[in-house]
Amino acid sequence: MTKRTRRLRGQVNSEIKKKYWIPLEAKHKTGAWEALDAGYTERHRAYHSWQHVAGLFEKLGEFSDLSTRADIIAMSAFWHDVVYRTQNHDGTPRPDYENVRDSAELFRKYTLLNQPDAAAVYDLIMATANHLQARADTQHYAGFAGDLDLFLDLDLSSLASPWEQFVEHFNAIRYEFPGVPGRVLFETDPNS
């Protein structure tokens, strides 16, 4: 990662902190921001970084009128990819489900939300383990299922980017998966 990239990332996370984190900070234990910042600035990240989170907040701003609880979606946006490793320590592939589960557990460690709201955020985070099959098993509040669908759409919205931006995102994701052929990276059925 170049010095320029690190500087740009620093600017992005500073803006995110001022604009989006400060309103949610009191709903977290001390050290939450530091845990988030440590995760989203890890050297191996190219796509799943503060820039991805910033993109989610931009989209949430555009489509907030479609949400019931934008605050719950915002909280989920912060925590959903905080743990993101594509390989285990021994070099074997790490299943994304483990990243999602560990991200949700880290959220639980730092949240001060009441139990129903914390459960809603937890379920939104866990839904990102399988975007296409995710369904709201529990209605944590009226409109939760719609918020879940909106959050997942926002998380995948980069797939609908203009071509140049899509290629940039694809290359950033490829960087995060060293040694994995591109066709395998996005295969839904490994036997096909």
Protein backbone atom coordinates (compact mmCIF):
# COMPACT_ATOMS: atom_id res chain seq x y z
CA MET A 1 0.00 0.00 0.00
CA THR A 2 1.39 3.40 -0.98
CA LYS A 3 1.74 6.41 1.29
CA ARG A 4 -0.88 8.17 -0.83
CA THR A 5 -3.36 5.32 -0.31
CA ARG A 6 -2.72 5.33 3.46
CA ARG A 7 -3.22 9.11 3.55
CA LEU A 8 -6.49 8.85 1.59
CA ARG A 9 -7.70 6.08 3.91
CA GLY A 10 -6.86 8.25 6.90
CA GLN A 11 -8.94 11.08 5.45
CA VAL A 12 -11.86 8.75 4.75
CA ASN A 13 -11.95 7.28 8.26
CA SER A 14 -11.62 10.73 9.82
CA GLU A 15 -14.62 11.94 7.79
CA ILE A 16 -16.61 8.82 8.66
CA LYS A 17 -15.86 9.31 12.35
CA LYS A 18 -17.03 12.92 12.33
CA LYS A 19 -20.08 12.45 10.15
CA TYR A 20 -21.42 9.01 11.10
CA TRP A 21 -19.69 7.64 14.20
CA ILE A 22 -20.10 10.53 16.64
CA PRO A 23 -23.94 10.21 16.65
CA LEU A 24 -23.59 6.47 17.46
CA GLU A 25 -20.57 6.62 19.75
CA ALA A 26 -22.55 6.82 23.02
CA LYS A 27 -24.19 3.50 22.12
CA HIS A 28 -20.82 1.76 22.41
CA LYS A 29 -18.30 0.92 25.09
CA THR A 30 -14.96 2.68 25.23
CA GLY A 31 -12.58 1.36 22.59
CA ALA A 32 -15.20 0.59 19.95
CA TRP A 33 -13.89 3.14 17.44
CA GLU A 34 -10.35 1.87 17.92
CA ALA A 35 -11.51 -1.71 17.26
CA LEU A 36 -13.29 -0.60 14.09
CA ASP A 37 -10.37 1.49 12.90
CA ALA A 38 -7.90 -1.33 13.55
CA GLY A 39 -10.05 -3.69 11.47
CA TYR A 40 -10.82 -1.45 8.52
CA THR A 41 -7.23 -0.24 8.16
CA GLU A 42 -5.53 -3.64 8.11
CA ARG A 43 -2.84 -3.82 5.41
CA HIS A 44 -4.39 -6.75 3.55
CA ARG A 45 -7.61 -4.85 2.85
CA ALA A 46 -8.20 -3.19 -0.46
CA TYR A 47 -11.99 -3.33 -0.84
CA HIS A 48 -13.33 -4.17 2.62
CA SER A 49 -11.96 -0.95 4.12
CA TRP A 50 -13.28 2.39 5.37
CA GLN A 51 -13.98 3.30 1.75
CA HIS A 52 -16.50 0.46 1.51
CA VAL A 53 -18.14 1.63 4.74
CA ALA A 54 -18.22 5.22 3.43
CA GLY A 55 -19.93 3.95 0.27
CA LEU A 56 -22.58 2.24 2.39
CA PHE A 57 -23.28 5.47 4.26
CA GLU A 58 -23.52 7.45 1.01
CA LYS A 59 -26.05 4.95 -0.34
CA LEU A 60 -27.93 4.85 2.98
CA GLY A 61 -28.21 8.64 2.76
CA GLU A 62 -29.69 8.33 -0.73
CA PHE A 63 -32.18 5.64 0.24
CA SER A 64 -32.86 6.39 3.91
CA ASP A 65 -36.50 7.11 3.10
CA LEU A 66 -36.84 3.39 2.33
CA SER A 67 -35.68 2.40 5.81
CA THR A 68 -37.63 2.05 9.02
CA ARG A 69 -34.62 2.26 11.35
CA ALA A 70 -31.69 3.91 9.55
CA ASP A 71 -29.85 3.95 12.88
CA ILE A 72 -29.90 0.13 13.03
CA ILE A 73 -28.68 -0.09 9.42
CA ALA A 74 -25.93 2.45 10.18
CA MET A 75 -24.76 0.47 13.18
CA SER A 76 -24.69 -2.68 11.03
CA ALA A 77 -22.72 -0.88 8.32
CA PHE A 78 -20.00 -0.05 10.83
CA TRP A 79 -19.61 -3.57 12.16
CA HIS A 80 -20.45 -5.93 9.28
CA ASP A 81 -16.92 -6.32 7.84
CA VAL A 82 -14.76 -5.30 10.80
CA VAL A 83 -13.26 -8.81 10.83
CA TYR A 84 -12.20 -9.74 7.32
CA ARG A 85 -9.49 -12.28 6.59
CA THR A 86 -9.43 -14.41 3.47
CA GLN A 87 -6.86 -16.86 4.84
CA ASN A 88 -6.29 -18.62 8.14
CA HIS A 89 -2.90 -18.36 9.81
CA ASP A 90 -1.82 -21.59 8.08
CA GLY A 91 -2.65 -20.16 4.63
CA THR A 92 -5.84 -22.17 4.09
CA PRO A 93 -8.91 -20.29 2.84
CA ARG A 94 -11.03 -18.78 5.61
CA PRO A 95 -14.79 -19.13 5.05
CA ASP A 96 -16.53 -15.76 4.90
CA TYR A 97 -19.10 -17.00 7.41
CA GLU A 98 -16.35 -16.99 10.05
CA ASN A 99 -15.56 -13.33 9.29
CA VAL A 100 -19.22 -12.39 9.54
CA ARG A 101 -19.69 -14.32 12.78
CA ASP A 102 -16.56 -12.78 14.31
CA SER A 103 -17.67 -9.30 13.19
CA ALA A 104 -21.08 -9.82 14.81
CA GLU A 105 -19.44 -11.05 18.01
CA LEU A 106 -17.11 -8.04 18.10
CA PHE A 107 -20.19 -5.82 17.77
CA ARG A 108 -21.72 -7.63 20.76
CA LYS A 109 -18.55 -7.02 22.76
CA TYR A 110 -18.76 -3.24 22.29
CA THR A 111 -22.48 -2.46 22.04
CA LEU A 112 -24.49 -0.65 24.68
CA LEU A 113 -27.75 -0.97 22.73
CA ASN A 114 -30.78 -2.47 24.44
CA GLN A 115 -31.25 -6.18 23.79
CA PRO A 116 -33.88 -5.90 21.00
CA ASP A 117 -31.87 -3.32 19.03
CA ALA A 118 -28.62 -5.24 19.55
CA ALA A 119 -30.32 -8.42 18.27
CA ALA A 120 -31.52 -6.54 15.18
CA VAL A 121 -28.00 -5.28 14.39
CA TYR A 122 -26.58 -8.74 15.03
CA ASP A 123 -29.06 -10.31 12.60
CA LEU A 124 -28.33 -7.70 9.90
CA ILE A 125 -24.62 -8.40 10.21
CA MET A 126 -25.18 -12.17 10.07
CA ALA A 127 -27.35 -11.77 6.96
CA THR A 128 -24.23 -10.72 5.04
CA ALA A 129 -22.90 -14.28 5.35
CA ASN A 130 -25.31 -15.26 2.57
CA HIS A 131 -26.74 -12.19 0.86
CA LEU A 132 -28.87 -14.09 -1.62
CA GLN A 133 -30.55 -16.46 0.83
CA ALA A 134 -30.89 -14.14 3.84
CA ARG A 135 -34.37 -13.76 5.30
CA ALA A 136 -35.67 -12.13 8.46
CA ASP A 137 -36.56 -15.01 10.76
CA THR A 138 -37.42 -12.59 13.56
CA GLN A 139 -39.22 -9.26 13.18
CA HIS A 140 -37.24 -7.23 15.72
CA TYR A 141 -39.46 -4.22 14.92
CA ALA A 142 -42.11 -3.37 12.36
CA GLY A 143 -40.27 -2.99 9.07
CA PHE A 144 -37.22 -5.06 10.03
CA ALA A 145 -37.49 -7.37 7.00
CA GLY A 146 -37.41 -4.35 4.68
CA ASP A 147 -34.40 -2.93 6.53
CA LEU A 148 -32.62 -6.26 6.16
CA ASP A 149 -33.27 -6.28 2.41
CA LEU A 150 -32.17 -2.65 2.09
CA PHE A 151 -28.95 -3.27 4.04
CA LEU A 152 -28.04 -6.24 1.87
CA ASP A 153 -28.80 -4.25 -1.29
CA LEU A 154 -26.59 -1.42 -0.05
CA ASP A 155 -23.77 -3.85 0.74
CA LEU A 156 -23.90 -5.28 -2.79
CA SER A 157 -24.58 -1.97 -4.54
CA SER A 158 -21.01 -1.77 -5.89
CA LEU A 159 -21.98 -4.57 -8.28
CA ALA A 160 -24.15 -1.99 -10.07
CA SER A 161 -21.33 0.56 -10.38
CA PRO A 162 -20.31 2.08 -13.69
CA TRP A 163 -17.87 -0.23 -15.48
CA GLU A 164 -14.65 1.59 -14.53
CA GLN A 165 -15.61 1.66 -10.86
CA PHE A 166 -16.75 -1.98 -11.00
CA VAL A 167 -13.35 -3.02 -12.38
CA GLU A 168 -11.63 -1.02 -9.64
CA HIS A 169 -13.72 -2.80 -6.98
CA PHE A 170 -13.10 -6.18 -8.61
CA ASN A 171 -9.34 -5.59 -8.62
CA ALA A 172 -9.45 -4.53 -4.97
CA ILE A 173 -11.31 -7.73 -4.07
CA ARG A 174 -8.82 -9.78 -6.12
CA TYR A 175 -6.01 -8.18 -4.08
CA GLU A 176 -7.64 -9.50 -0.91
CA PHE A 177 -7.63 -13.06 -2.31
CA PRO A 178 -4.05 -13.79 -3.31
CA GLY A 179 -3.60 -17.05 -5.18
CA VAL A 180 -7.30 -17.62 -5.90
CA PRO A 181 -8.22 -17.73 -9.62
CA GLY A 182 -10.83 -15.10 -10.58
CA ARG A 183 -13.34 -17.65 -11.85
CA VAL A 184 -13.23 -19.47 -8.49
CA LEU A 185 -13.57 -16.24 -6.54
CA PHE A 186 -17.12 -15.61 -7.73
CA GLU A 187 -18.29 -19.14 -8.37
CA THR A 188 -21.51 -20.03 -6.58
CA ASP A 189 -21.18 -23.78 -7.16
CA PRO A 190 -17.60 -25.06 -6.86
CA ASN A 191 -18.58 -28.19 -8.83
CA SER A 192 -19.78 -26.30 -11.92
